[in-house]
Amino acid sequence: MTCEVVIVTTDQQGTQFDQSAGGDGLPRWIADDEPLVNQDVVVWYTFGITHIPRPEEWPIMTATHVGFRLIPGGFFARNPALDVPACKTPAACP
């Protein structure tokens, strides 16, 4: 899993990857390159943080925030809000 940032597999319900002797799990699953079209999928995202501590955080760093956002790019051909009908009167507009 550390070789790729994002891996997408089909949903294999009931299978766990939290403990492995190595050589199986995700590397084995992605080796067959199965199609994902019209399938339930699982996205495996690997991330790491690089945090340069501030003087206030030494010797104990209380917390840091790590996250990611999935934002589609080019999902629509145009802005879907353009189909919203115009207000007929100013009082009808929110």
C-alpha atoms as a PDB file:
ATOM      1  CA  MET A   1       0.000   0.000   0.000  1.00  0.00           C
ATOM      2  CA  THR A   2       2.920   2.354   0.442  1.00  0.00           C
ATOM      3  CA  CYS A   3       3.756   2.127  -3.269  1.00  0.00           C
ATOM      4  CA  GLU A   4       0.554   3.900  -4.368  1.00  0.00           C
ATOM      5  CA  VAL A   5      -1.260   6.944  -3.006  1.00  0.00           C
ATOM      6  CA  VAL A   6      -4.734   5.802  -4.091  1.00  0.00           C
ATOM      7  CA  ILE A   7      -5.926   2.247  -4.718  1.00  0.00           C
ATOM      8  CA  VAL A   8      -9.491   1.443  -5.789  1.00  0.00           C
ATOM      9  CA  THR A   9     -10.798  -2.111  -5.386  1.00  0.00           C
ATOM     10  CA  THR A  10     -14.167  -3.780  -5.520  1.00  0.00           C
ATOM     11  CA  ASP A  11     -15.934  -4.098  -2.190  1.00  0.00           C
ATOM     12  CA  GLN A  12     -15.053  -7.507  -0.736  1.00  0.00           C
ATOM     13  CA  GLN A  13     -17.423  -7.549   2.220  1.00  0.00           C
ATOM     14  CA  GLY A  14     -16.188  -9.434   5.268  1.00  0.00           C
ATOM     15  CA  THR A  15     -12.496  -9.363   4.318  1.00  0.00           C
ATOM     16  CA  GLN A  16     -10.120  -7.614   6.711  1.00  0.00           C
ATOM     17  CA  PHE A  17      -6.721  -6.092   5.943  1.00  0.00           C
ATOM     18  CA  ASP A  18      -5.762  -4.804   9.347  1.00  0.00           C
ATOM     19  CA  GLN A  19      -3.206  -7.569  10.000  1.00  0.00           C
ATOM     20  CA  SER A  20      -1.134  -9.252   7.358  1.00  0.00           C
ATOM     21  CA  ALA A  21       2.050 -11.278   7.089  1.00  0.00           C
ATOM     22  CA  GLY A  22       2.784  -9.433   3.858  1.00  0.00           C
ATOM     23  CA  GLY A  23       2.482 -10.411   0.231  1.00  0.00           C
ATOM     24  CA  ASP A  24      -1.280 -10.777   0.398  1.00  0.00           C
ATOM     25  CA  GLY A  25      -4.154  -8.336   0.859  1.00  0.00           C
ATOM     26  CA  LEU A  26      -4.156  -5.280  -1.376  1.00  0.00           C
ATOM     27  CA  PRO A  27      -1.116  -6.221  -3.502  1.00  0.00           C
ATOM     28  CA  ARG A  28      -2.803  -9.527  -4.342  1.00  0.00           C
ATOM     29  CA  TRP A  29      -6.165  -7.887  -5.014  1.00  0.00           C
ATOM     30  CA  ILE A  30      -4.877  -5.293  -7.443  1.00  0.00           C
ATOM     31  CA  ALA A  31      -2.716  -7.790  -9.331  1.00  0.00           C
ATOM     32  CA  ASP A  32      -5.706  -9.108 -11.330  1.00  0.00           C
ATOM     33  CA  ASP A  33      -6.735  -5.579 -12.458  1.00  0.00           C
ATOM     34  CA  GLU A  34     -10.448  -6.417 -12.257  1.00  0.00           C
ATOM     35  CA  PRO A  35     -12.973  -4.006 -13.808  1.00  0.00           C
ATOM     36  CA  LEU A  36     -14.635  -1.484 -11.500  1.00  0.00           C
ATOM     37  CA  VAL A  37     -17.508  -0.402 -13.763  1.00  0.00           C
ATOM     38  CA  ASN A  38     -20.937  -0.839 -12.119  1.00  0.00           C
ATOM     39  CA  GLN A  39     -19.341  -2.253  -8.948  1.00  0.00           C
ATOM     40  CA  ASP A  40     -19.365  -1.139  -5.327  1.00  0.00           C
ATOM     41  CA  VAL A  41     -15.848   0.119  -4.705  1.00  0.00           C
ATOM     42  CA  VAL A  42     -13.555   0.899  -1.795  1.00  0.00           C
ATOM     43  CA  VAL A  43     -10.994   3.705  -2.074  1.00  0.00           C
ATOM     44  CA  TRP A  44      -7.769   3.089  -0.135  1.00  0.00           C
ATOM     45  CA  TYR A  45      -5.961   6.381   0.415  1.00  0.00           C
ATOM     46  CA  THR A  46      -2.456   6.550   1.882  1.00  0.00           C
ATOM     47  CA  PHE A  47      -1.298   9.796   3.424  1.00  0.00           C
ATOM     48  CA  GLY A  48       1.404  10.967   5.717  1.00  0.00           C
ATOM     49  CA  ILE A  49       1.997  14.171   7.546  1.00  0.00           C
ATOM     50  CA  THR A  50       5.018  16.372   7.809  1.00  0.00           C
ATOM     51  CA  HIS A  51       4.671  18.601  10.803  1.00  0.00           C
ATOM     52  CA  ILE A  52       7.266  21.129  11.828  1.00  0.00           C
ATOM     53  CA  PRO A  53       6.602  21.695  15.535  1.00  0.00           C
ATOM     54  CA  ARG A  54       6.248  25.168  16.945  1.00  0.00           C
ATOM     55  CA  PRO A  55       8.012  26.089  20.198  1.00  0.00           C
ATOM     56  CA  GLU A  56       4.653  25.931  21.992  1.00  0.00           C
ATOM     57  CA  GLU A  57       4.305  22.256  21.057  1.00  0.00           C
ATOM     58  CA  TRP A  58       7.520  21.026  22.657  1.00  0.00           C
ATOM     59  CA  PRO A  59       7.863  18.675  24.502  1.00  0.00           C
ATOM     60  CA  ILE A  60       4.219  17.609  24.019  1.00  0.00           C
ATOM     61  CA  MET A  61       2.229  18.234  20.872  1.00  0.00           C
ATOM     62  CA  THR A  62      -1.425  18.188  21.868  1.00  0.00           C
ATOM     63  CA  ALA A  63      -3.014  17.556  18.466  1.00  0.00           C
ATOM     64  CA  THR A  64      -2.741  18.005  14.749  1.00  0.00           C
ATOM     65  CA  HIS A  65      -5.351  17.746  12.021  1.00  0.00           C
ATOM     66  CA  VAL A  66      -4.949  15.500   8.986  1.00  0.00           C
ATOM     67  CA  GLY A  67      -7.589  14.959   6.335  1.00  0.00           C
ATOM     68  CA  PHE A  68      -8.446  14.917   2.690  1.00  0.00           C
ATOM     69  CA  ARG A  69     -11.346  15.937   0.474  1.00  0.00           C
ATOM     70  CA  LEU A  70     -12.718  14.221  -2.593  1.00  0.00           C
ATOM     71  CA  ILE A  71     -13.621  16.992  -5.015  1.00  0.00           C
ATOM     72  CA  PRO A  72     -14.777  16.042  -8.516  1.00  0.00           C
ATOM     73  CA  GLY A  73     -13.130  17.772 -11.435  1.00  0.00           C
ATOM     74  CA  GLY A  74     -15.049  17.880 -14.707  1.00  0.00           C
ATOM     75  CA  PHE A  75     -17.895  15.794 -13.263  1.00  0.00           C
ATOM     76  CA  PHE A  76     -20.491  17.997 -14.982  1.00  0.00           C
ATOM     77  CA  ALA A  77     -20.248  19.400 -18.493  1.00  0.00           C
ATOM     78  CA  ARG A  78     -21.295  22.777 -17.056  1.00  0.00           C
ATOM     79  CA  ASN A  79     -22.466  24.330 -13.790  1.00  0.00           C
ATOM     80  CA  PRO A  80     -25.674  22.494 -12.744  1.00  0.00           C
ATOM     81  CA  ALA A  81     -26.938  25.645 -10.995  1.00  0.00           C
ATOM     82  CA  LEU A  82     -27.459  27.229 -14.409  1.00  0.00           C
ATOM     83  CA  ASP A  83     -30.660  25.146 -14.737  1.00  0.00           C
ATOM     84  CA  VAL A  84     -32.273  26.838 -11.707  1.00  0.00           C
ATOM     85  CA  PRO A  85     -35.295  28.811 -12.925  1.00  0.00           C
ATOM     86  CA  ALA A  86     -35.145  32.568 -12.507  1.00  0.00           C
ATOM     87  CA  CYS A  87     -37.360  34.306  -9.938  1.00  0.00           C
ATOM     88  CA  LYS A  88     -40.553  35.699 -11.422  1.00  0.00           C
ATOM     89  CA  THR A  89     -40.788  38.515  -8.845  1.00  0.00           C
ATOM     90  CA  PRO A  90     -38.227  39.957  -6.392  1.00  0.00           C
ATOM     91  CA  ALA A  91     -40.413  38.822  -3.461  1.00  0.00           C
ATOM     92  CA  ALA A  92     -40.221  35.202  -4.676  1.00  0.00           C
ATOM     93  CA  CYS A  93     -36.413  35.171  -4.520  1.00  0.00           C
ATOM     94  CA  PRO A  94     -34.923  33.867  -1.271  1.00  0.00           C
END
